[in-house]
Structures are given as C-alpha cells and as structure tokens.
Amino acid sequence: YGYSRPRQKEQTRTPLARGTKITPVTELPSYRVLVAVANINTLPSLIPTAVAAAKRNDGMVMLLNVIPVPGLTPISRGREFVEDENRALITRAKEMIGDAVLVDEMFRLSHRPSQAIVDTAKEINANLVIMGWSGKGSESESSIGRNIEQIYNTINCEVLTIQTDRLPKDPDYTSAK
C-alpha cells in the first residue's frame, strides 16, 4: 500500500489588471470601505452609502471592479477582457464621490468574482464591504446566491448587500456629496 501526503491548497491571490497600482495599507486611512462595482445602474445605490460610512469614520472608499475571466481561459490572458466600460464605470463612481472622501480604485482579474472581493478586502484590511445584489439567487427563494454566501462566510469584516432591483431609479441623481 502507498499513501501520499495530503496536498496543501496553493495560496494565490487573484491578480490585478495591468496599470492598477496598489497603495500600501500603511498609507491608507484606518477605516476602509470597499465597494464592489459591476454595473453603472447600481452606483446611485452603492456610492452614497459608502461615502456616508467613510465620512462618519474619517475613512476612504476603495472602488473594486472585478473583470471576469471565462473558466477555461488562463488568468494570464485575462487582461484582454478589460474593456473601456470597466474604466468608465470606475470613472463614473469617482465622479459621484468627487472630493467628499479619499477614493482609490482597483481592477482585479478572476474566474470567481467572490474570491476577488475577498482577496481585496483582506489586502486593504477593509472595515466594510458594500456590494449590490440583483435579488436573484440561483438556488432557492431564501438563498442570496452562492457568490454572496461565500463572501459572507469568508470575510472578516462587516458586509452590506443592497438589493438594487427594489430601489427606486433616480435619473437626476448625480453626486454622493
């Protein structure tokens, strides 16, 4: 009989998109709000809450856009999935925040968006993670979805999920100030 040693799962972080700079955690304010942005229509629901939390705690907002890479595509080729709309989304979010609080941005490549959010929250030592949810879970009515549940179960900070499909649309909303 032969027995093999148990393999340790390789500890890798989801990579950053080219051109994304990382500000050392020691240079960031002590309170950090991570906002996962994926859809320009949800910004009016997410940004004001993030700004309010950051202001209340003399903190900052980190905007994260996860660029999904198809499952069989190597992450190393993921940079070709970064599109102008990803940059436009972050630009619009930064415009909404204006100079209300300190803001930084990050683009991350991943096969699993939930893992990218967890990795970023850990890297910046986030105090609060804010993300939108469409209100549709893939399993049952009571389920909020596998990705969000993974984030809730893995992350060690407060998580606020805003169900964006039930909020009123305000076309005149232009600023989080």
N, C-alpha and C. Protein backbone atom coordinates (compact mmCIF):
# COMPACT_ATOMS: atom_id res chain seq x y z
N TYR A 1 0.83 -1.19 0.00
CA TYR A 1 0.00 0.00 0.00
C TYR A 1 0.87 1.24 0.00
N GLY A 2 0.40 2.23 -0.65
CA GLY A 2 1.11 3.50 -0.68
C GLY A 2 0.19 4.63 -0.27
N TYR A 3 0.73 5.54 0.50
CA TYR A 3 -0.04 6.70 0.94
C TYR A 3 0.70 7.95 0.49
N SER A 4 -0.04 8.88 0.00
CA SER A 4 0.60 10.13 -0.37
C SER A 4 0.31 11.17 0.71
N ARG A 5 1.20 12.14 0.77
CA ARG A 5 0.97 13.22 1.72
C ARG A 5 -0.20 14.06 1.21
N PRO A 6 -1.00 14.60 2.13
CA PRO A 6 -2.08 15.49 1.68
C PRO A 6 -1.47 16.72 1.03
N ARG A 7 -2.05 17.13 -0.05
CA ARG A 7 -1.56 18.33 -0.74
C ARG A 7 -2.14 19.57 -0.10
N GLN A 8 -1.31 20.56 0.02
CA GLN A 8 -1.80 21.83 0.53
C GLN A 8 -2.34 22.62 -0.65
N LYS A 9 -3.46 23.26 -0.41
CA LYS A 9 -4.04 24.09 -1.45
C LYS A 9 -3.13 25.30 -1.65
N GLU A 10 -2.81 25.57 -2.89
CA GLU A 10 -1.94 26.68 -3.21
C GLU A 10 -2.62 27.99 -2.86
N GLN A 11 -1.91 28.83 -2.12
CA GLN A 11 -2.45 30.12 -1.72
C GLN A 11 -2.06 31.17 -2.76
N THR A 12 -3.00 31.51 -3.61
CA THR A 12 -2.74 32.53 -4.61
C THR A 12 -3.81 33.60 -4.52
N ARG A 13 -3.42 34.81 -4.81
CA ARG A 13 -4.37 35.91 -4.85
C ARG A 13 -4.81 36.11 -6.28
N THR A 14 -5.98 36.66 -6.42
CA THR A 14 -6.44 36.99 -7.76
C THR A 14 -5.59 38.16 -8.25
N PRO A 15 -5.13 38.11 -9.49
CA PRO A 15 -4.21 39.14 -9.98
C PRO A 15 -4.90 40.47 -10.27
N LEU A 16 -4.10 41.51 -10.27
CA LEU A 16 -4.58 42.84 -10.62
C LEU A 16 -4.43 43.04 -12.12
N ALA A 17 -5.30 43.84 -12.69
CA ALA A 17 -5.19 44.18 -14.10
C ALA A 17 -3.99 45.12 -14.27
N ARG A 18 -3.39 45.05 -15.42
CA ARG A 18 -2.23 45.88 -15.72
C ARG A 18 -2.59 47.36 -15.54
N GLY A 19 -1.69 48.10 -14.94
CA GLY A 19 -1.92 49.52 -14.73
C GLY A 19 -2.56 49.83 -13.38
N THR A 20 -2.98 48.81 -12.66
CA THR A 20 -3.55 49.02 -11.33
C THR A 20 -2.42 49.15 -10.34
N LYS A 21 -2.41 50.27 -9.64
CA LYS A 21 -1.37 50.47 -8.63
C LYS A 21 -1.96 50.15 -7.26
N ILE A 22 -1.11 49.67 -6.39
CA ILE A 22 -1.56 49.35 -5.04
C ILE A 22 -0.94 50.36 -4.09
N THR A 23 -1.80 51.05 -3.36
CA THR A 23 -1.32 51.95 -2.33
C THR A 23 -1.05 51.11 -1.09
N PRO A 24 0.14 51.21 -0.51
CA PRO A 24 0.42 50.42 0.69
C PRO A 24 -0.62 50.69 1.79
N VAL A 25 -1.03 49.64 2.47
CA VAL A 25 -2.06 49.75 3.50
C VAL A 25 -1.67 50.77 4.55
N THR A 26 -0.38 50.88 4.83
CA THR A 26 0.07 51.83 5.86
C THR A 26 -0.17 53.28 5.46
N GLU A 27 -0.37 53.54 4.16
CA GLU A 27 -0.62 54.90 3.69
C GLU A 27 -2.10 55.22 3.57
N LEU A 28 -2.96 54.26 3.84
CA LEU A 28 -4.40 54.46 3.75
C LEU A 28 -4.97 54.87 5.10
N PRO A 29 -6.10 55.59 5.10
CA PRO A 29 -6.76 55.88 6.39
C PRO A 29 -7.10 54.58 7.10
N SER A 30 -7.29 54.64 8.41
CA SER A 30 -7.52 53.41 9.17
C SER A 30 -8.88 52.78 8.90
N TYR A 31 -9.87 53.56 8.45
CA TYR A 31 -11.18 52.99 8.13
C TYR A 31 -11.32 52.92 6.62
N ARG A 32 -11.61 51.71 6.11
CA ARG A 32 -11.65 51.50 4.66
C ARG A 32 -12.95 50.83 4.25
N VAL A 33 -13.62 51.46 3.29
CA VAL A 33 -14.86 50.92 2.74
C VAL A 33 -14.57 50.40 1.34
N LEU A 34 -14.78 49.12 1.13
CA LEU A 34 -14.58 48.51 -0.18
C LEU A 34 -15.94 48.42 -0.87
N VAL A 35 -16.02 48.98 -2.08
CA VAL A 35 -17.26 48.94 -2.85
C VAL A 35 -16.99 48.14 -4.13
N ALA A 36 -17.69 47.01 -4.25
CA ALA A 36 -17.58 46.20 -5.46
C ALA A 36 -18.57 46.76 -6.47
N VAL A 37 -18.05 47.31 -7.56
CA VAL A 37 -18.91 47.91 -8.58
C VAL A 37 -18.84 47.09 -9.86
N ALA A 38 -20.02 46.77 -10.39
CA ALA A 38 -20.06 45.95 -11.60
C ALA A 38 -21.05 46.49 -12.62
N ASN A 39 -21.93 47.38 -12.21
CA ASN A 39 -22.99 47.84 -13.09
C ASN A 39 -23.22 49.33 -12.83
N ILE A 40 -23.16 50.12 -13.87
CA ILE A 40 -23.29 51.58 -13.71
C ILE A 40 -24.65 51.97 -13.14
N ASN A 41 -25.67 51.15 -13.37
CA ASN A 41 -27.01 51.46 -12.87
C ASN A 41 -27.15 51.29 -11.36
N THR A 42 -26.22 50.57 -10.74
CA THR A 42 -26.29 50.37 -9.29
C THR A 42 -25.48 51.41 -8.51
N LEU A 43 -24.70 52.22 -9.19
CA LEU A 43 -23.87 53.20 -8.50
C LEU A 43 -24.67 54.13 -7.59
N PRO A 44 -25.84 54.65 -8.02
CA PRO A 44 -26.60 55.54 -7.13
C PRO A 44 -27.08 54.84 -5.85
N SER A 45 -27.11 53.53 -5.84
CA SER A 45 -27.50 52.79 -4.64
C SER A 45 -26.30 52.52 -3.73
N LEU A 46 -25.13 52.34 -4.31
CA LEU A 46 -23.95 51.92 -3.54
C LEU A 46 -23.10 53.09 -3.05
N ILE A 47 -22.86 54.05 -3.92
CA ILE A 47 -21.89 55.11 -3.62
C ILE A 47 -22.30 55.99 -2.44
N PRO A 48 -23.55 56.48 -2.35
CA PRO A 48 -23.89 57.34 -1.19
C PRO A 48 -23.69 56.64 0.16
N THR A 49 -24.00 55.38 0.21
CA THR A 49 -23.83 54.62 1.45
C THR A 49 -22.35 54.51 1.79
N ALA A 50 -21.53 54.23 0.79
CA ALA A 50 -20.09 54.12 1.01
C ALA A 50 -19.50 55.45 1.47
N VAL A 51 -19.91 56.53 0.85
CA VAL A 51 -19.40 57.85 1.22
C VAL A 51 -19.82 58.19 2.65
N ALA A 52 -21.08 57.91 3.00
CA ALA A 52 -21.55 58.20 4.36
C ALA A 52 -20.76 57.42 5.40
N ALA A 53 -20.50 56.15 5.14
CA ALA A 53 -19.73 55.33 6.09
C ALA A 53 -18.30 55.84 6.20
N ALA A 54 -17.70 56.17 5.08
CA ALA A 54 -16.31 56.67 5.11
C ALA A 54 -16.23 58.01 5.83
N LYS A 55 -17.19 58.91 5.57
CA LYS A 55 -17.18 60.22 6.24
C LYS A 55 -17.35 60.07 7.74
N ARG A 56 -18.29 59.23 8.15
CA ARG A 56 -18.60 59.03 9.57
C ARG A 56 -17.39 58.53 10.34
N ASN A 57 -16.51 57.80 9.65
CA ASN A 57 -15.36 57.17 10.32
C ASN A 57 -14.02 57.75 9.88
N ASP A 58 -14.04 58.93 9.24
CA ASP A 58 -12.81 59.56 8.73
C ASP A 58 -12.01 58.57 7.90
N GLY A 59 -12.70 57.88 7.00
CA GLY A 59 -12.06 56.85 6.20
C GLY A 59 -12.01 57.16 4.72
N MET A 60 -11.88 56.11 3.95
CA MET A 60 -11.77 56.22 2.50
C MET A 60 -12.60 55.15 1.83
N VAL A 61 -12.81 55.34 0.52
CA VAL A 61 -13.56 54.38 -0.29
C VAL A 61 -12.60 53.77 -1.31
N MET A 62 -12.58 52.44 -1.36
CA MET A 62 -11.82 51.72 -2.39
C MET A 62 -12.84 51.13 -3.36
N LEU A 63 -12.76 51.53 -4.61
CA LEU A 63 -13.64 51.01 -5.65
C LEU A 63 -12.98 49.80 -6.29
N LEU A 64 -13.72 48.71 -6.36
CA LEU A 64 -13.20 47.48 -6.96
C LEU A 64 -14.08 47.07 -8.13
N ASN A 65 -13.46 46.87 -9.27
CA ASN A 65 -14.16 46.31 -10.43
C ASN A 65 -13.49 44.99 -10.76
N VAL A 66 -14.27 43.92 -10.64
CA VAL A 66 -13.75 42.58 -10.93
C VAL A 66 -14.02 42.29 -12.41
N ILE A 67 -12.97 41.96 -13.13
CA ILE A 67 -13.10 41.62 -14.54
C ILE A 67 -13.17 40.11 -14.62
N PRO A 68 -14.36 39.57 -14.96
CA PRO A 68 -14.50 38.12 -15.01
C PRO A 68 -13.75 37.52 -16.20
N VAL A 69 -13.02 36.46 -15.94
CA VAL A 69 -12.29 35.74 -16.97
C VAL A 69 -12.97 34.38 -17.13
N PRO A 70 -13.35 34.00 -18.35
CA PRO A 70 -14.02 32.71 -18.54
C PRO A 70 -13.23 31.55 -17.93
N GLY A 71 -13.96 30.56 -17.43
CA GLY A 71 -13.39 29.45 -16.67
C GLY A 71 -12.18 28.75 -17.25
N LEU A 72 -12.16 28.46 -18.53
CA LEU A 72 -11.04 27.72 -19.11
C LEU A 72 -9.93 28.61 -19.64
N THR A 73 -10.13 29.90 -19.57
CA THR A 73 -9.12 30.84 -20.03
C THR A 73 -8.11 31.08 -18.92
N PRO A 74 -6.82 30.97 -19.21
CA PRO A 74 -5.82 31.25 -18.17
C PRO A 74 -5.93 32.71 -17.71
N ILE A 75 -5.77 32.92 -16.43
CA ILE A 75 -5.83 34.27 -15.88
C ILE A 75 -4.80 35.17 -16.56
N SER A 76 -3.68 34.60 -16.96
CA SER A 76 -2.63 35.38 -17.61
C SER A 76 -3.13 36.03 -18.91
N ARG A 77 -4.16 35.46 -19.51
CA ARG A 77 -4.75 36.06 -20.71
C ARG A 77 -5.94 36.95 -20.38
N GLY A 78 -6.24 37.10 -19.11
CA GLY A 78 -7.41 37.85 -18.68
C GLY A 78 -7.36 39.33 -19.00
N ARG A 79 -6.17 39.87 -19.18
CA ARG A 79 -6.05 41.29 -19.46
C ARG A 79 -6.79 41.71 -20.72
N GLU A 80 -6.99 40.78 -21.64
CA GLU A 80 -7.71 41.11 -22.87
C GLU A 80 -9.21 41.31 -22.62
N PHE A 81 -9.69 40.99 -21.42
CA PHE A 81 -11.10 41.17 -21.09
C PHE A 81 -11.39 42.52 -20.46
N VAL A 82 -10.33 43.28 -20.17
CA VAL A 82 -10.52 44.63 -19.64
C VAL A 82 -11.00 45.51 -20.79
N GLU A 83 -12.13 46.13 -20.60
CA GLU A 83 -12.72 46.94 -21.66
C GLU A 83 -12.88 48.38 -21.19
N ASP A 84 -13.16 49.25 -22.13
CA ASP A 84 -13.37 50.66 -21.80
C ASP A 84 -14.51 50.84 -20.81
N GLU A 85 -15.52 49.96 -20.88
CA GLU A 85 -16.65 50.11 -19.96
C GLU A 85 -16.25 49.86 -18.51
N ASN A 86 -15.22 49.03 -18.28
CA ASN A 86 -14.73 48.82 -16.92
C ASN A 86 -14.15 50.12 -16.37
N ARG A 87 -13.36 50.77 -17.19
CA ARG A 87 -12.75 52.04 -16.78
C ARG A 87 -13.80 53.14 -16.64
N ALA A 88 -14.78 53.15 -17.53
CA ALA A 88 -15.86 54.15 -17.48
C ALA A 88 -16.68 54.00 -16.19
N LEU A 89 -16.89 52.77 -15.76
CA LEU A 89 -17.64 52.51 -14.54
C LEU A 89 -16.93 53.11 -13.32
N ILE A 90 -15.64 52.87 -13.23
CA ILE A 90 -14.86 53.42 -12.11
C ILE A 90 -14.79 54.94 -12.20
N THR A 91 -14.62 55.46 -13.41
CA THR A 91 -14.57 56.91 -13.59
C THR A 91 -15.87 57.55 -13.12
N ARG A 92 -17.00 56.95 -13.48
CA ARG A 92 -18.31 57.49 -13.08
C ARG A 92 -18.46 57.43 -11.56
N ALA A 93 -18.05 56.35 -10.94
CA ALA A 93 -18.13 56.24 -9.48
C ALA A 93 -17.28 57.31 -8.81
N LYS A 94 -16.08 57.55 -9.34
CA LYS A 94 -15.20 58.57 -8.77
C LYS A 94 -15.81 59.97 -8.95
N GLU A 95 -16.47 60.20 -10.08
CA GLU A 95 -17.14 61.49 -10.29
C GLU A 95 -18.25 61.69 -9.26
N MET A 96 -18.98 60.63 -8.96
CA MET A 96 -20.07 60.73 -7.99
C MET A 96 -19.54 61.03 -6.59
N ILE A 97 -18.39 60.48 -6.26
CA ILE A 97 -17.79 60.71 -4.94
C ILE A 97 -17.17 62.10 -4.88
N GLY A 98 -16.59 62.53 -5.98
CA GLY A 98 -15.94 63.83 -6.01
C GLY A 98 -14.86 63.94 -4.96
N ASP A 99 -14.88 65.04 -4.21
CA ASP A 99 -13.87 65.21 -3.16
C ASP A 99 -14.48 65.00 -1.78
N ALA A 100 -15.61 64.28 -1.72
CA ALA A 100 -16.28 64.04 -0.43
C ALA A 100 -15.39 63.24 0.52
N VAL A 101 -14.69 62.25 0.00
CA VAL A 101 -13.76 61.43 0.79
C VAL A 101 -12.62 61.00 -0.12
N LEU A 102 -11.56 60.49 0.50
CA LEU A 102 -10.45 59.93 -0.25
C LEU A 102 -10.95 58.69 -0.99
N VAL A 103 -10.56 58.53 -2.25
CA VAL A 103 -11.01 57.38 -3.04
C VAL A 103 -9.83 56.79 -3.80
N ASP A 104 -9.83 55.48 -3.91
CA ASP A 104 -8.82 54.77 -4.69
C ASP A 104 -9.56 53.73 -5.51
N GLU A 105 -8.88 53.12 -6.46
CA GLU A 105 -9.53 52.18 -7.36
C GLU A 105 -8.66 50.96 -7.59
N MET A 106 -9.31 49.86 -7.95
CA MET A 106 -8.58 48.63 -8.23
C MET A 106 -9.37 47.81 -9.25
N PHE A 107 -8.66 47.25 -10.21
CA PHE A 107 -9.25 46.33 -11.19
C PHE A 107 -8.60 44.98 -10.93
N ARG A 108 -9.42 43.94 -10.79
CA ARG A 108 -8.89 42.63 -10.47
C ARG A 108 -9.46 41.60 -11.44
N LEU A 109 -8.60 40.71 -11.92
CA LEU A 109 -8.98 39.63 -12.84
C LEU A 109 -9.31 38.39 -12.02
N SER A 110 -10.40 37.69 -12.39
CA SER A 110 -10.73 36.50 -11.62
C SER A 110 -11.70 35.60 -12.37
N HIS A 111 -11.56 34.29 -12.11
CA HIS A 111 -12.55 33.33 -12.58
C HIS A 111 -13.77 33.38 -11.66
N ARG A 112 -13.54 33.78 -10.41
CA ARG A 112 -14.62 33.83 -9.41
C ARG A 112 -14.64 35.21 -8.77
N PRO A 113 -15.62 36.03 -9.11
CA PRO A 113 -15.69 37.38 -8.54
C PRO A 113 -15.69 37.41 -7.01
N SER A 114 -16.34 36.44 -6.39
CA SER A 114 -16.39 36.44 -4.93
C SER A 114 -14.99 36.33 -4.34
N GLN A 115 -14.13 35.53 -4.94
CA GLN A 115 -12.76 35.39 -4.44
C GLN A 115 -11.98 36.69 -4.61
N ALA A 116 -12.22 37.40 -5.69
CA ALA A 116 -11.55 38.68 -5.91
C ALA A 116 -11.96 39.70 -4.85
N ILE A 117 -13.24 39.70 -4.48
CA ILE A 117 -13.72 40.62 -3.44
C ILE A 117 -13.09 40.26 -2.10
N VAL A 118 -13.06 38.99 -1.77
CA VAL A 118 -12.45 38.54 -0.51
C VAL A 118 -10.96 38.89 -0.48
N ASP A 119 -10.24 38.62 -1.57
CA ASP A 119 -8.81 38.93 -1.62
C ASP A 119 -8.56 40.42 -1.40
N THR A 120 -9.36 41.25 -2.07
CA THR A 120 -9.16 42.70 -1.95
C THR A 120 -9.48 43.17 -0.54
N ALA A 121 -10.57 42.68 0.04
CA ALA A 121 -10.94 43.07 1.40
C ALA A 121 -9.82 42.73 2.38
N LYS A 122 -9.23 41.56 2.21
CA LYS A 122 -8.13 41.15 3.09
C LYS A 122 -6.89 42.02 2.86
N GLU A 123 -6.58 42.28 1.58
CA GLU A 123 -5.38 43.07 1.26
C GLU A 123 -5.44 44.47 1.85
N ILE A 124 -6.58 45.12 1.74
CA ILE A 124 -6.67 46.50 2.22
C ILE A 124 -7.15 46.57 3.66
N ASN A 125 -7.41 45.40 4.25
CA ASN A 125 -7.91 45.34 5.62
C ASN A 125 -9.20 46.16 5.74
N ALA A 126 -10.17 45.84 4.89
CA ALA A 126 -11.43 46.59 4.83
C ALA A 126 -12.21 46.44 6.12
N ASN A 127 -12.86 47.53 6.50
CA ASN A 127 -13.75 47.51 7.66
C ASN A 127 -15.19 47.23 7.24
N LEU A 128 -15.52 47.61 6.01
CA LEU A 128 -16.87 47.44 5.49
C LEU A 128 -16.78 47.13 4.00
N VAL A 129 -17.54 46.13 3.56
CA VAL A 129 -17.65 45.81 2.14
C VAL A 129 -19.09 46.10 1.74
N ILE A 130 -19.26 46.87 0.67
CA ILE A 130 -20.59 47.18 0.15
C ILE A 130 -20.68 46.64 -1.26
N MET A 131 -21.76 45.91 -1.53
CA MET A 131 -21.96 45.37 -2.87
C MET A 131 -23.44 45.31 -3.18
N GLY A 132 -23.75 45.33 -4.46
CA GLY A 132 -25.12 45.23 -4.90
C GLY A 132 -25.49 43.78 -5.15
N TRP A 133 -26.79 43.54 -5.13
CA TRP A 133 -27.33 42.21 -5.41
C TRP A 133 -28.60 42.39 -6.22
N SER A 134 -28.73 41.64 -7.27
CA SER A 134 -29.88 41.80 -8.17
C SER A 134 -31.17 41.25 -7.58
N GLY A 135 -31.07 40.49 -6.51
CA GLY A 135 -32.27 39.93 -5.91
C GLY A 135 -32.60 38.54 -6.42
N LYS A 136 -31.74 38.03 -7.26
CA LYS A 136 -31.98 36.70 -7.83
C LYS A 136 -30.90 35.74 -7.35
N GLY A 137 -31.32 34.70 -6.65
CA GLY A 137 -30.41 33.65 -6.22
C GLY A 137 -30.58 32.46 -7.14
N SER A 138 -29.53 31.71 -7.36
CA SER A 138 -29.62 30.58 -8.28
C SER A 138 -30.21 29.33 -7.64
N GLU A 139 -30.23 29.27 -6.31
CA GLU A 139 -30.74 28.06 -5.67
C GLU A 139 -32.21 28.21 -5.28
N SER A 140 -32.51 28.65 -4.09
CA SER A 140 -33.89 28.74 -3.63
C SER A 140 -34.27 30.19 -3.36
N GLU A 141 -35.55 30.41 -3.04
CA GLU A 141 -36.02 31.76 -2.75
C GLU A 141 -35.29 32.38 -1.56
N SER A 142 -34.94 31.55 -0.57
CA SER A 142 -34.29 32.07 0.62
C SER A 142 -32.79 32.27 0.43
N SER A 143 -32.25 31.77 -0.62
CA SER A 143 -30.82 31.88 -0.86
C SER A 143 -30.48 33.21 -1.51
N ILE A 144 -29.37 33.79 -1.11
CA ILE A 144 -28.96 35.03 -1.74
C ILE A 144 -27.93 34.80 -2.82
N GLY A 145 -27.60 33.59 -3.09
CA GLY A 145 -26.66 33.29 -4.14
C GLY A 145 -25.34 32.78 -3.60
N ARG A 146 -24.74 31.90 -4.35
CA ARG A 146 -23.50 31.23 -3.93
C ARG A 146 -22.35 32.21 -3.73
N ASN A 147 -22.19 33.19 -4.64
CA ASN A 147 -21.08 34.13 -4.52
C ASN A 147 -21.17 34.98 -3.26
N ILE A 148 -22.35 35.51 -2.99
CA ILE A 148 -22.50 36.36 -1.82
C ILE A 148 -22.35 35.54 -0.54
N GLU A 149 -22.90 34.35 -0.52
CA GLU A 149 -22.74 33.49 0.65
C GLU A 149 -21.27 33.17 0.91
N GLN A 150 -20.50 32.96 -0.15
CA GLN A 150 -19.07 32.69 0.03
C GLN A 150 -18.38 33.91 0.65
N ILE A 151 -18.74 35.09 0.22
CA ILE A 151 -18.15 36.31 0.78
C ILE A 151 -18.52 36.42 2.26
N TYR A 152 -19.80 36.23 2.58
CA TYR A 152 -20.24 36.30 3.98
C TYR A 152 -19.49 35.31 4.86
N ASN A 153 -19.27 34.13 4.35
CA ASN A 153 -18.64 33.07 5.14
C ASN A 153 -17.12 33.20 5.23
N THR A 154 -16.51 33.98 4.37
CA THR A 154 -15.05 34.04 4.30
C THR A 154 -14.47 35.32 4.88
N ILE A 155 -15.16 36.40 4.70
CA ILE A 155 -14.62 37.72 5.01
C ILE A 155 -14.74 38.02 6.51
N ASN A 156 -13.81 38.78 7.03
CA ASN A 156 -13.80 39.09 8.45
C ASN A 156 -14.01 40.59 8.67
N CYS A 157 -15.11 41.10 8.13
CA CYS A 157 -15.48 42.49 8.35
C CYS A 157 -16.98 42.61 8.09
N GLU A 158 -17.51 43.78 8.31
CA GLU A 158 -18.94 43.98 8.05
C GLU A 158 -19.19 43.96 6.55
N VAL A 159 -20.31 43.38 6.16
CA VAL A 159 -20.68 43.31 4.74
C VAL A 159 -22.10 43.84 4.61
N LEU A 160 -22.28 44.79 3.72
CA LEU A 160 -23.60 45.35 3.44
C LEU A 160 -23.95 45.01 2.00
N THR A 161 -25.04 44.29 1.83
CA THR A 161 -25.51 43.94 0.49
C THR A 161 -26.80 44.70 0.24
N ILE A 162 -26.84 45.47 -0.83
CA ILE A 162 -28.00 46.28 -1.17
C ILE A 162 -28.71 45.63 -2.34
N GLN A 163 -29.97 45.28 -2.15
CA GLN A 163 -30.75 44.67 -3.22
C GLN A 163 -31.16 45.78 -4.18
N THR A 164 -30.45 45.87 -5.27
CA THR A 164 -30.58 47.01 -6.18
C THR A 164 -31.81 46.98 -7.06
N ASP A 165 -32.44 45.83 -7.24
CA ASP A 165 -33.60 45.79 -8.13
C ASP A 165 -34.86 46.33 -7.46
N ARG A 166 -34.83 46.58 -6.17
CA ARG A 166 -36.02 47.08 -5.47
C ARG A 166 -35.93 48.56 -5.13
N LEU A 167 -34.82 49.18 -5.45
CA LEU A 167 -34.66 50.60 -5.14
C LEU A 167 -35.23 51.45 -6.27
N PRO A 168 -35.79 52.60 -5.93
CA PRO A 168 -36.31 53.47 -6.99
C PRO A 168 -35.17 54.01 -7.84
N LYS A 169 -35.45 54.15 -9.10
CA LYS A 169 -34.46 54.72 -10.02
C LYS A 169 -34.59 56.23 -10.00
N ASP A 170 -33.48 56.91 -9.81
CA ASP A 170 -33.47 58.37 -9.76
C ASP A 170 -32.56 58.88 -10.87
N PRO A 171 -33.11 59.24 -12.02
CA PRO A 171 -32.27 59.67 -13.15
C PRO A 171 -31.56 60.99 -12.90
N ASP A 172 -32.05 61.77 -11.91
CA ASP A 172 -31.43 63.06 -11.66
C ASP A 172 -30.29 62.98 -10.66
N TYR A 173 -30.06 61.81 -10.09
CA TYR A 173 -29.01 61.66 -9.10
C TYR A 173 -27.65 61.79 -9.78
N THR A 174 -26.83 62.72 -9.29
CA THR A 174 -25.54 62.92 -9.94
C THR A 174 -24.37 62.97 -8.98
N SER A 175 -24.61 63.02 -7.68
CA SER A 175 -23.49 63.21 -6.77
C SER A 175 -23.73 62.54 -5.42
N ALA A 176 -22.65 62.10 -4.81
CA ALA A 176 -22.74 61.49 -3.49
C ALA A 176 -22.41 62.49 -2.40
N LYS A 177 -22.10 63.72 -2.77
CA LYS A 177 -21.68 64.73 -1.81
C LYS A 177 -22.82 65.04 -0.93
